[in-house]
Structures are given as C-alpha cells and as structure tokens.
Amino acid sequence: MSYPTVVNGTLALKLLMPLKWLNENLEKVIILISYSGMAGIIFVEIIRRFFFNLQAPWSTSIPVLLFLWLTWFGASLNVKQRSHLSLNEIRIRLPYTGQFLCQILDAILWIAFGMLVIYFTSEQVKVAHFNFAIVPGTDNVMQWWFYLATPLAWTLLIFRVIQNLVEDCLRFKRNKPFNLTPAIMD
C-alpha cells in the first residue's frame, strides 16, 4: 500500500465522518431543537402570564407551528428506526420471499404517499410565501418557514425508506433474516 493511498483514505474518512454523524442524528437534532423551543416558549409564557400578567402575542402560535417540525421529522425518525406502525405479526408468519415482497410493497407505498405529501404541501408553502403570510402576533416571522417542515421531512422520510429498502435487498441477497422488530430505542 502506498503512502498517497493511505493519506487519501484517511482524508476520505475524515470527510465522511460528518456525513455519517448527520445521517445518524439529523432527525434527533431537529426534534430536540423544536421540542426545546416549544417547551421553552410555553414555560416562559406561563411564568409571565401568571406572575406578571403579560403574554407575548405570538406565544400561542409559534409552539403550534414548531410542532410541525417535531412531528414530521419524528415520523422520519420512526421510519429510519422501523418503529412506525406496521403489521409485523402477519409478516413474521409469511415465508421469507413473502416478507421481502411486503418490504418492497411498504417502500413503494411510502414513496408514493410521500410524493403526494411533498407535492401538495409544497403548494401550501408556495401560497404562504407568495402571500407573505405572517405568523399571528408577529411582525416579520413568516408562516412558510414552518410549513416548509412538511415537504422537507417527507423528502428525508423517502430517503430513509430507500435506505431501508437497500438494506432489505442486501439482506435478501445474503439470505439473512429481516429486521421485523422495531428498534424503538436506538
């Protein structure tokens, strides 16, 4: 092995490490930021309301809109971990090829539904953007910033579905059992 090959390999590894971290943690970071933002706003506004008789006019709007980021990226995380709602009791009883066909059917349905969601919610984002829709109680916080969560999260969800399908195809090729039990705690 030559020295340049080792250096190039090490450099490639260092460049790929952030991508690996992002692949493993993207949804978790977005969920944490959204949930912390929601909880922080609600906590501060409860204190302000009960102790100082004050309340920011946007304090009831922003947490609800942050919930969009929380839920849709949470859905993507559940697909990634395979902890979403599924009928695994039936699949476990199917023959190996039947299990594989169900995994493919799942992927096709997720992708088809995801494409519909992305299309229609992108239209909603465009309408909010073109109409300069502002979050109630604010002067310059745009609604489309929050609505953008849905098409972005569903794009990531489709990517996670494809990752799972590739993993399932490799398992099928090697004749290894499918991971039909959800990985709730990862």
Protein backbone atom coordinates (compact mmCIF):
# COMPACT_ATOMS: atom_id res chain seq x y z
CA MET A 1 0.00 0.00 0.00
CA SER A 2 1.49 3.33 -1.00
CA TYR A 3 1.61 6.44 1.17
CA PRO A 4 -0.74 8.55 -1.05
CA THR A 5 -3.39 5.82 -0.86
CA VAL A 6 -3.30 5.84 2.94
CA VAL A 7 -3.45 9.64 3.02
CA ASN A 8 -6.35 9.71 0.55
CA GLY A 9 -8.18 7.04 2.54
CA THR A 10 -7.68 8.94 5.79
CA LEU A 11 -8.82 12.18 4.16
CA ALA A 12 -11.91 10.49 2.74
CA LEU A 13 -12.72 9.06 6.16
CA LYS A 14 -12.44 12.49 7.78
CA LEU A 15 -14.70 13.97 5.13
CA LEU A 16 -17.28 11.21 5.51
CA MET A 17 -17.43 11.36 9.32
CA PRO A 18 -19.67 14.48 9.40
CA LEU A 19 -21.98 12.86 6.82
CA LYS A 20 -22.19 9.72 8.93
CA TRP A 21 -22.98 11.79 12.01
CA LEU A 22 -25.62 13.73 10.07
CA ASN A 23 -27.16 10.50 8.79
CA GLU A 24 -27.40 9.15 12.34
CA ASN A 25 -28.55 12.31 14.12
CA LEU A 26 -30.33 14.74 11.77
CA GLU A 27 -33.86 13.96 12.89
CA LYS A 28 -32.86 13.82 16.55
CA VAL A 29 -31.27 17.28 16.39
CA ILE A 30 -34.29 18.83 14.66
CA ILE A 31 -36.66 17.17 17.14
CA LEU A 32 -34.57 18.37 20.08
CA ILE A 33 -34.46 21.96 18.80
CA SER A 34 -38.20 22.00 18.03
CA TYR A 35 -39.20 20.44 21.31
CA SER A 36 -36.87 22.67 23.32
CA GLY A 37 -38.20 25.73 21.54
CA MET A 38 -41.80 24.72 22.18
CA ALA A 39 -41.19 23.85 25.83
CA GLY A 40 -39.12 26.98 26.43
CA ILE A 41 -41.72 29.31 24.94
CA ILE A 42 -44.56 27.65 26.84
CA PHE A 43 -42.63 27.61 30.14
CA VAL A 44 -41.58 31.27 29.92
CA GLU A 45 -45.03 32.41 28.84
CA ILE A 46 -46.75 30.55 31.67
CA ILE A 47 -44.44 32.27 34.17
CA ARG A 48 -45.05 35.64 32.50
CA ARG A 49 -48.80 35.12 32.39
CA PHE A 50 -49.31 34.02 35.99
CA PHE A 51 -46.73 36.20 37.73
CA PHE A 52 -46.60 39.33 35.60
CA ASN A 53 -49.94 39.34 33.72
CA LEU A 54 -48.01 39.55 30.44
CA GLN A 55 -48.06 37.37 27.38
CA ALA A 56 -46.35 37.64 24.02
CA PRO A 57 -49.00 37.69 21.30
CA TRP A 58 -47.12 35.04 19.28
CA SER A 59 -46.66 32.64 22.20
CA THR A 60 -49.65 30.52 21.23
CA SER A 61 -48.81 30.45 17.50
CA ILE A 62 -45.11 29.60 17.36
CA PRO A 63 -45.24 26.43 19.54
CA VAL A 64 -48.04 25.03 17.38
CA LEU A 65 -46.01 25.73 14.23
CA LEU A 66 -42.86 24.24 15.80
CA PHE A 67 -44.93 21.11 16.36
CA LEU A 68 -44.89 20.62 12.58
CA TRP A 69 -41.10 20.25 12.68
CA LEU A 70 -41.32 17.93 15.67
CA THR A 71 -43.95 15.59 14.27
CA TRP A 72 -42.80 15.24 10.67
CA PHE A 73 -39.14 14.75 11.50
CA GLY A 74 -40.28 12.37 14.24
CA ALA A 75 -42.11 10.39 11.56
CA SER A 76 -38.91 10.27 9.53
CA LEU A 77 -37.00 9.03 12.58
CA ASN A 78 -39.61 6.32 13.15
CA VAL A 79 -39.28 5.14 9.56
CA LYS A 80 -35.49 5.12 9.89
CA GLN A 81 -35.69 3.05 13.09
CA ARG A 82 -38.56 0.96 11.71
CA SER A 83 -40.62 1.80 14.75
CA HIS A 84 -43.57 3.14 12.76
CA LEU A 85 -46.94 1.44 12.72
CA SER A 86 -46.66 -1.84 10.82
CA LEU A 87 -48.32 -5.23 10.67
CA ASN A 88 -45.34 -7.35 11.59
CA GLU A 89 -47.40 -10.09 13.23
CA ILE A 90 -48.62 -11.07 9.78
CA ARG A 91 -45.20 -10.68 8.14
CA ILE A 92 -43.42 -12.87 10.66
CA ARG A 93 -45.72 -15.74 9.67
CA LEU A 94 -45.07 -15.30 5.94
CA PRO A 95 -42.38 -17.23 4.07
CA TYR A 96 -39.08 -15.43 3.53
CA THR A 97 -39.91 -14.30 -0.02
CA GLY A 98 -43.32 -13.06 1.16
CA GLN A 99 -41.61 -10.99 3.85
CA PHE A 100 -39.32 -9.47 1.23
CA LEU A 101 -42.23 -8.67 -1.07
CA CYS A 102 -44.01 -6.97 1.83
CA GLN A 103 -40.90 -4.86 2.49
CA ILE A 104 -40.88 -3.82 -1.19
CA LEU A 105 -44.62 -3.06 -1.09
CA ASP A 106 -44.05 -0.94 2.03
CA ALA A 107 -41.34 1.05 0.29
CA ILE A 108 -43.47 1.62 -2.81
CA LEU A 109 -46.43 2.78 -0.71
CA TRP A 110 -44.29 5.07 1.48
CA ILE A 111 -42.66 6.63 -1.57
CA ALA A 112 -45.96 7.10 -3.43
CA PHE A 113 -47.66 8.64 -0.41
CA GLY A 114 -44.60 10.76 0.30
CA MET A 115 -44.57 12.13 -3.23
CA LEU A 116 -48.22 13.18 -2.83
CA VAL A 117 -47.50 14.84 0.51
CA ILE A 118 -44.46 16.66 -0.87
CA TYR A 119 -46.37 17.89 -3.91
CA PHE A 120 -49.40 19.24 -2.06
CA THR A 121 -47.54 20.69 0.93
CA SER A 122 -45.04 22.38 -1.38
CA GLU A 123 -48.03 24.14 -2.90
CA GLN A 124 -49.08 25.27 0.58
CA VAL A 125 -45.57 26.59 1.24
CA LYS A 126 -45.63 28.49 -2.08
CA VAL A 127 -49.02 30.04 -1.31
CA ALA A 128 -47.88 31.15 2.16
CA HIS A 129 -44.65 32.52 0.69
CA PHE A 130 -46.27 34.42 -2.19
CA ASN A 131 -48.96 35.88 0.09
CA PHE A 132 -46.41 37.00 2.69
CA ALA A 133 -48.33 35.10 5.37
CA ILE A 134 -47.04 36.20 8.74
CA VAL A 135 -47.37 34.22 11.98
CA PRO A 136 -50.17 35.80 14.04
CA GLY A 137 -48.81 38.07 16.72
CA THR A 138 -45.54 38.80 14.92
CA ASP A 139 -44.39 41.47 12.54
CA ASN A 140 -41.89 39.57 10.39
CA VAL A 141 -41.95 35.81 11.15
CA MET A 142 -43.17 34.07 8.03
CA GLN A 143 -45.52 31.08 8.18
CA TRP A 144 -43.87 29.35 5.25
CA TRP A 145 -40.72 28.87 7.33
CA PHE A 146 -42.72 26.49 9.50
CA TYR A 147 -44.77 24.94 6.69
CA LEU A 148 -41.52 24.03 4.96
CA ALA A 149 -41.08 21.33 7.62
CA THR A 150 -43.57 19.01 5.95
CA PRO A 151 -42.04 18.70 2.46
CA LEU A 152 -38.51 18.66 3.88
CA ALA A 153 -39.29 15.96 6.43
CA TRP A 154 -41.13 13.85 3.88
CA THR A 155 -38.21 14.14 1.50
CA LEU A 156 -35.98 12.85 4.28
CA LEU A 157 -38.56 10.17 5.10
CA ILE A 158 -38.45 8.93 1.49
CA PHE A 159 -34.66 8.87 1.71
CA ARG A 160 -34.95 6.75 4.89
CA VAL A 161 -37.37 4.40 3.13
CA ILE A 162 -34.87 3.95 0.29
CA GLN A 163 -32.08 3.31 2.81
CA ASN A 164 -34.22 0.63 4.46
CA LEU A 165 -35.11 -0.90 1.10
CA VAL A 166 -31.43 -1.13 0.11
CA GLU A 167 -30.70 -2.78 3.46
CA ASP A 168 -33.58 -5.23 2.91
CA CYS A 169 -32.40 -6.05 -0.61
CA LEU A 170 -28.90 -6.78 0.71
CA ARG A 171 -30.35 -8.96 3.47
CA PHE A 172 -32.46 -10.84 0.93
CA LYS A 173 -29.46 -11.31 -1.35
CA ARG A 174 -27.44 -12.78 1.56
CA ASN A 175 -30.46 -14.78 2.75
CA LYS A 176 -30.34 -13.12 6.18
CA PRO A 177 -33.49 -12.62 8.26
CA PHE A 178 -35.28 -9.28 8.04
CA ASN A 179 -35.38 -6.92 10.97
CA LEU A 180 -39.13 -7.09 11.59
CA THR A 181 -38.99 -5.99 15.23
CA PRO A 182 -38.90 -2.22 15.61
CA ALA A 183 -35.80 -0.61 17.06
CA ILE A 184 -37.60 1.80 19.39
CA MET A 185 -34.55 2.61 21.48
CA ASP A 186 -31.60 3.42 19.27
